[in-house]
C-alpha atoms as a PDB file:
ATOM      1  CA  MET A   1     -52.443 -32.869 201.553  1.00  0.00           C
ATOM      2  CA  PRO A   2     -49.293 -30.725 201.372  1.00  0.00           C
ATOM      3  CA  LYS A   3     -49.515 -27.292 199.796  1.00  0.00           C
ATOM      4  CA  TYR A   4     -48.775 -27.399 196.080  1.00  0.00           C
ATOM      5  CA  GLU A   5     -48.416 -24.987 193.212  1.00  0.00           C
ATOM      6  CA  THR A   6     -50.038 -25.647 189.852  1.00  0.00           C
ATOM      7  CA  PHE A   7     -47.576 -25.625 186.967  1.00  0.00           C
ATOM      8  CA  GLU A   8     -48.477 -23.276 184.132  1.00  0.00           C
ATOM      9  CA  LEU A   9     -46.443 -23.373 180.939  1.00  0.00           C
ATOM     10  CA  LYS A  10     -45.624 -19.960 179.510  1.00  0.00           C
ATOM     11  CA  PHE A  11     -44.499 -18.871 176.067  1.00  0.00           C
ATOM     12  CA  CYS A  12     -42.021 -16.405 174.638  1.00  0.00           C
ATOM     13  CA  LEU A  13     -41.299 -14.987 171.200  1.00  0.00           C
ATOM     14  CA  ARG A  14     -37.558 -14.589 171.615  1.00  0.00           C
ATOM     15  CA  LYS A  15     -35.279 -17.601 171.965  1.00  0.00           C
ATOM     16  CA  GLU A  16     -33.230 -15.940 174.724  1.00  0.00           C
ATOM     17  CA  ASN A  17     -36.326 -15.928 176.991  1.00  0.00           C
ATOM     18  CA  GLU A  18     -36.806 -19.682 176.619  1.00  0.00           C
ATOM     19  CA  ASN A  19     -36.363 -21.637 179.860  1.00  0.00           C
ATOM     20  CA  PRO A  20     -37.650 -25.233 179.508  1.00  0.00           C
ATOM     21  CA  PRO A  21     -39.865 -26.603 180.905  1.00  0.00           C
ATOM     22  CA  GLU A  22     -41.342 -23.377 182.375  1.00  0.00           C
ATOM     23  CA  VAL A  23     -41.029 -21.130 179.298  1.00  0.00           C
ATOM     24  CA  SER A  24     -41.158 -22.453 175.745  1.00  0.00           C
ATOM     25  CA  SER A  25     -40.837 -20.744 172.361  1.00  0.00           C
ATOM     26  CA  PHE A  26     -44.140 -19.934 170.675  1.00  0.00           C
ATOM     27  CA  LYS A  27     -44.590 -22.428 167.840  1.00  0.00           C
ATOM     28  CA  GLU A  28     -47.168 -23.070 165.143  1.00  0.00           C
ATOM     29  CA  VAL A  29     -48.709 -26.004 167.045  1.00  0.00           C
ATOM     30  CA  ILE A  30     -49.465 -23.629 169.964  1.00  0.00           C
ATOM     31  CA  LEU A  31     -51.113 -21.172 167.564  1.00  0.00           C
ATOM     32  CA  GLN A  32     -53.211 -24.048 166.187  1.00  0.00           C
ATOM     33  CA  ALA A  33     -54.358 -24.934 169.714  1.00  0.00           C
ATOM     34  CA  LEU A  34     -55.238 -21.275 170.400  1.00  0.00           C
ATOM     35  CA  ILE A  35     -57.278 -21.005 167.214  1.00  0.00           C
ATOM     36  CA  LYS A  36     -59.007 -24.330 167.857  1.00  0.00           C
ATOM     37  CA  ARG A  37     -60.038 -23.164 171.330  1.00  0.00           C
ATOM     38  CA  TYR A  38     -61.111 -19.772 169.933  1.00  0.00           C
ATOM     39  CA  LEU A  39     -63.310 -21.398 167.269  1.00  0.00           C
ATOM     40  CA  SER A  40     -64.824 -23.779 169.826  1.00  0.00           C
ATOM     41  CA  GLU A  41     -66.752 -20.810 171.228  1.00  0.00           C
ATOM     42  CA  ASN A  42     -70.065 -20.401 169.381  1.00  0.00           C
ATOM     43  CA  PRO A  43     -69.871 -16.623 168.686  1.00  0.00           C
ATOM     44  CA  ASN A  44     -66.415 -17.004 167.129  1.00  0.00           C
ATOM     45  CA  LEU A  45     -67.458 -20.050 165.109  1.00  0.00           C
ATOM     46  CA  LYS A  46     -70.584 -18.218 163.950  1.00  0.00           C
ATOM     47  CA  ASN A  47     -68.449 -15.298 162.809  1.00  0.00           C
ATOM     48  CA  LEU A  48     -66.171 -17.631 160.823  1.00  0.00           C
ATOM     49  CA  ILE A  49     -69.163 -19.290 159.131  1.00  0.00           C
ATOM     50  CA  GLU A  50     -70.496 -15.837 158.182  1.00  0.00           C
ATOM     51  CA  ILE A  51     -67.111 -14.734 156.806  1.00  0.00           C
ATOM     52  CA  CYS A  52     -67.002 -17.934 154.720  1.00  0.00           C
ATOM     53  CA  GLU A  53     -70.546 -17.161 153.522  1.00  0.00           C
ATOM     54  CA  ILE A  54     -71.793 -20.643 154.349  1.00  0.00           C
ATOM     55  CA  ASP A  55     -75.531 -20.705 155.053  1.00  0.00           C
ATOM     56  CA  GLU A  56     -76.222 -24.423 155.235  1.00  0.00           C
ATOM     57  CA  LEU A  57     -74.412 -25.202 158.501  1.00  0.00           C
ATOM     58  CA  ASP A  58     -75.933 -25.107 161.979  1.00  0.00           C
ATOM     59  CA  ILE A  59     -73.202 -23.987 164.404  1.00  0.00           C
ATOM     60  CA  ASN A  60     -74.872 -25.983 167.180  1.00  0.00           C
ATOM     61  CA  ASN A  61     -74.209 -29.161 165.176  1.00  0.00           C
ATOM     62  CA  LEU A  62     -70.503 -28.547 164.499  1.00  0.00           C
ATOM     63  CA  GLU A  63     -67.346 -29.778 166.158  1.00  0.00           C
ATOM     64  CA  VAL A  64     -63.872 -28.284 165.906  1.00  0.00           C
ATOM     65  CA  LEU A  65     -61.185 -30.974 165.642  1.00  0.00           C
ATOM     66  CA  SER A  66     -57.393 -31.016 165.537  1.00  0.00           C
ATOM     67  CA  GLU A  67     -55.435 -32.556 162.695  1.00  0.00           C
ATOM     68  CA  LYS A  68     -57.090 -34.761 160.137  1.00  0.00           C
ATOM     69  CA  ALA A  69     -54.718 -37.100 158.312  1.00  0.00           C
ATOM     70  CA  LEU A  70     -54.914 -37.148 154.542  1.00  0.00           C
ATOM     71  CA  PRO A  71     -52.792 -39.203 152.104  1.00  0.00           C
ATOM     72  CA  GLU A  72     -50.338 -36.306 151.737  1.00  0.00           C
ATOM     73  CA  GLY A  73     -50.359 -34.291 154.953  1.00  0.00           C
ATOM     74  CA  HIS A  74     -52.480 -33.223 157.885  1.00  0.00           C
ATOM     75  CA  VAL A  75     -55.225 -30.618 157.968  1.00  0.00           C
ATOM     76  CA  ASP A  76     -54.450 -28.396 160.991  1.00  0.00           C
ATOM     77  CA  ILE A  77     -58.063 -27.799 162.073  1.00  0.00           C
ATOM     78  CA  LEU A  78     -61.196 -29.480 160.761  1.00  0.00           C
ATOM     79  CA  ILE A  79     -64.694 -28.175 161.408  1.00  0.00           C
ATOM     80  CA  LYS A  80     -67.316 -30.777 160.626  1.00  0.00           C
ATOM     81  CA  GLU A  81     -70.863 -31.708 161.374  1.00  0.00           C
ATOM     82  CA  ALA A  82     -71.023 -33.673 164.621  1.00  0.00           C
ATOM     83  CA  ILE A  83     -73.963 -35.752 163.395  1.00  0.00           C
ATOM     84  CA  PRO A  84     -73.849 -35.797 159.596  1.00  0.00           C
ATOM     85  CA  ILE A  85     -76.920 -36.767 157.625  1.00  0.00           C
ATOM     86  CA  GLY A  86     -75.788 -38.387 154.395  1.00  0.00           C
ATOM     87  CA  VAL A  87     -72.793 -36.165 153.620  1.00  0.00           C
ATOM     88  CA  SER A  88     -70.414 -34.894 156.299  1.00  0.00           C
ATOM     89  CA  ARG A  89     -69.842 -31.254 155.362  1.00  0.00           C
ATOM     90  CA  LYS A  90     -66.508 -29.770 156.428  1.00  0.00           C
ATOM     91  CA  ILE A  91     -64.388 -26.652 156.569  1.00  0.00           C
ATOM     92  CA  VAL A  92     -60.616 -27.166 156.510  1.00  0.00           C
ATOM     93  CA  ILE A  93     -58.291 -24.690 158.168  1.00  0.00           C
ATOM     94  CA  GLU A  94     -54.580 -24.378 157.630  1.00  0.00           C
ATOM     95  CA  VAL A  95     -52.620 -22.299 160.157  1.00  0.00           C
ATOM     96  CA  LYS A  96     -49.284 -20.601 159.495  1.00  0.00           C
ATOM     97  CA  LEU A  97     -47.259 -18.861 162.180  1.00  0.00           C
ATOM     98  CA  GLY A  98     -45.661 -16.347 159.822  1.00  0.00           C
ATOM     99  CA  LYS A  99     -46.352 -15.173 156.303  1.00  0.00           C
ATOM    100  CA  ALA A 100     -48.331 -17.605 154.127  1.00  0.00           C
ATOM    101  CA  SER A 101     -46.634 -18.407 150.809  1.00  0.00           C
ATOM    102  CA  GLU A 102     -47.943 -19.672 147.504  1.00  0.00           C
ATOM    103  CA  ASN A 103     -47.058 -23.225 148.617  1.00  0.00           C
ATOM    104  CA  ASP A 104     -49.301 -22.826 151.678  1.00  0.00           C
ATOM    105  CA  PHE A 105     -52.231 -21.888 149.425  1.00  0.00           C
ATOM    106  CA  LYS A 106     -51.467 -24.879 147.162  1.00  0.00           C
ATOM    107  CA  GLN A 107     -51.323 -27.186 150.180  1.00  0.00           C
ATOM    108  CA  LEU A 108     -54.749 -26.023 151.367  1.00  0.00           C
ATOM    109  CA  LYS A 109     -56.219 -26.333 147.853  1.00  0.00           C
ATOM    110  CA  TYR A 110     -54.949 -29.925 147.801  1.00  0.00           C
ATOM    111  CA  TYR A 111     -56.711 -30.673 151.115  1.00  0.00           C
ATOM    112  CA  VAL A 112     -59.937 -29.136 149.820  1.00  0.00           C
ATOM    113  CA  SER A 113     -59.793 -31.219 146.635  1.00  0.00           C
ATOM    114  CA  GLU A 114     -58.979 -34.406 148.612  1.00  0.00           C
ATOM    115  CA  LEU A 115     -62.139 -33.954 150.690  1.00  0.00           C
ATOM    116  CA  GLY A 116     -64.164 -33.328 147.528  1.00  0.00           C
ATOM    117  CA  ASN A 117     -67.810 -32.257 147.668  1.00  0.00           C
ATOM    118  CA  GLU A 118     -67.895 -32.617 151.443  1.00  0.00           C
ATOM    119  CA  CYS A 119     -65.526 -29.663 151.839  1.00  0.00           C
ATOM    120  CA  LEU A 120     -67.459 -26.405 151.809  1.00  0.00           C
ATOM    121  CA  ARG A 121     -64.486 -24.073 152.224  1.00  0.00           C
ATOM    122  CA  GLY A 122     -60.761 -23.846 152.833  1.00  0.00           C
ATOM    123  CA  VAL A 123     -59.517 -21.216 155.284  1.00  0.00           C
ATOM    124  CA  LEU A 124     -55.907 -20.077 155.589  1.00  0.00           C
ATOM    125  CA  ILE A 125     -54.972 -18.253 158.795  1.00  0.00           C
ATOM    126  CA  ALA A 126     -51.591 -16.522 158.978  1.00  0.00           C
ATOM    127  CA  ARG A 127     -49.864 -13.436 160.309  1.00  0.00           C
ATOM    128  CA  ASP A 128     -49.606 -12.103 156.738  1.00  0.00           C
ATOM    129  CA  PHE A 129     -49.901 -13.294 153.131  1.00  0.00           C
ATOM    130  CA  ALA A 130     -47.580 -13.133 150.149  1.00  0.00           C
ATOM    131  CA  LYS A 131     -49.187 -10.590 147.821  1.00  0.00           C
ATOM    132  CA  ARG A 132     -48.724 -12.679 144.683  1.00  0.00           C
ATOM    133  CA  ALA A 133     -50.223 -15.779 146.324  1.00  0.00           C
ATOM    134  CA  LEU A 134     -53.182 -13.763 147.598  1.00  0.00           C
ATOM    135  CA  GLU A 135     -53.850 -12.431 144.107  1.00  0.00           C
ATOM    136  CA  LYS A 136     -53.595 -15.913 142.614  1.00  0.00           C
ATOM    137  CA  PHE A 137     -55.637 -17.902 145.182  1.00  0.00           C
ATOM    138  CA  GLY A 138     -57.590 -15.273 147.146  1.00  0.00           C
ATOM    139  CA  ASN A 139     -60.934 -16.007 145.470  1.00  0.00           C
ATOM    140  CA  ASP A 140     -60.802 -19.746 146.154  1.00  0.00           C
ATOM    141  CA  ILE A 141     -59.665 -19.611 149.775  1.00  0.00           C
ATOM    142  CA  THR A 142     -60.861 -17.555 152.723  1.00  0.00           C
ATOM    143  CA  THR A 143     -57.928 -15.753 154.315  1.00  0.00           C
ATOM    144  CA  LEU A 144     -57.801 -14.472 157.883  1.00  0.00           C
ATOM    145  CA  THR A 145     -54.996 -12.857 159.821  1.00  0.00           C
ATOM    146  CA  TYR A 146     -54.475 -13.525 163.484  1.00  0.00           C
ATOM    147  CA  ASN A 147     -53.588 -10.918 166.053  1.00  0.00           C
ATOM    148  CA  LEU A 148     -52.154 -11.589 169.500  1.00  0.00           C
ATOM    149  CA  ASP A 149     -51.860  -8.788 172.032  1.00  0.00           C
ATOM    150  CA  TRP A 150     -48.403  -9.774 173.225  1.00  0.00           C
ATOM    151  CA  LYS A 151     -47.295  -6.996 175.588  1.00  0.00           C
ATOM    152  CA  LYS A 152     -44.930  -8.946 177.832  1.00  0.00           C
ATOM    153  CA  ASP A 153     -41.887 -11.024 176.867  1.00  0.00           C
ATOM    154  CA  ILE A 154     -43.404 -14.090 178.560  1.00  0.00           C
ATOM    155  CA  ILE A 155     -47.107 -14.930 178.535  1.00  0.00           C
ATOM    156  CA  SER A 156     -49.397 -17.793 179.598  1.00  0.00           C
ATOM    157  CA  PHE A 157     -51.626 -19.843 177.287  1.00  0.00           C
ATOM    158  CA  GLU A 158     -54.721 -18.398 178.983  1.00  0.00           C
ATOM    159  CA  LYS A 159     -53.571 -14.814 178.360  1.00  0.00           C
ATOM    160  CA  LEU A 160     -52.869 -15.703 174.737  1.00  0.00           C
ATOM    161  CA  CYS A 161     -56.385 -17.173 174.441  1.00  0.00           C
ATOM    162  CA  GLU A 162     -57.891 -13.984 175.835  1.00  0.00           C
ATOM    163  CA  SER A 163     -55.965 -11.812 173.388  1.00  0.00           C
ATOM    164  CA  LEU A 164     -56.433 -13.797 170.149  1.00  0.00           C
ATOM    165  CA  LYS A 165     -58.391 -12.087 167.377  1.00  0.00           C
ATOM    166  CA  LEU A 166     -59.051 -13.344 163.857  1.00  0.00           C
ATOM    167  CA  LEU A 167     -59.431 -10.563 161.298  1.00  0.00           C
ATOM    168  CA  GLN A 168     -60.690 -10.616 157.749  1.00  0.00           C
END
């Protein structure tokens, strides 16, 4: 077999560093994939469950899924019981690349109400939160900020995964 090089997509924050297909702008869908991978690791998932103060879920019986379609939108990340007994309990997560607004909180509250009693908690993850929205909805929704240790202009998905932190 001839020698080959594995292609690895990289990401940048500034548009002038973009060079498709090798280097792409960092978008919300990439952040969602990072967070999904992060939460697929048991210690990180356990920490999220503790932050949400949910006692009735066994982290060994949970799966972290991408996008769940609802009548009016898509939940970014859905954590649900892999083998539900009777009721399928869920946590819905909405991810925002920048600052979360009041509309983002309303959107997540809608998703939580659509899922009804099966939804144990709504979680909004963003870089920052509008102060007024946080005051208005902060008790009903768990909020987390994300932090990426982005030291270089261009970075790989793997390096982003290694640097991701979710903070309360």
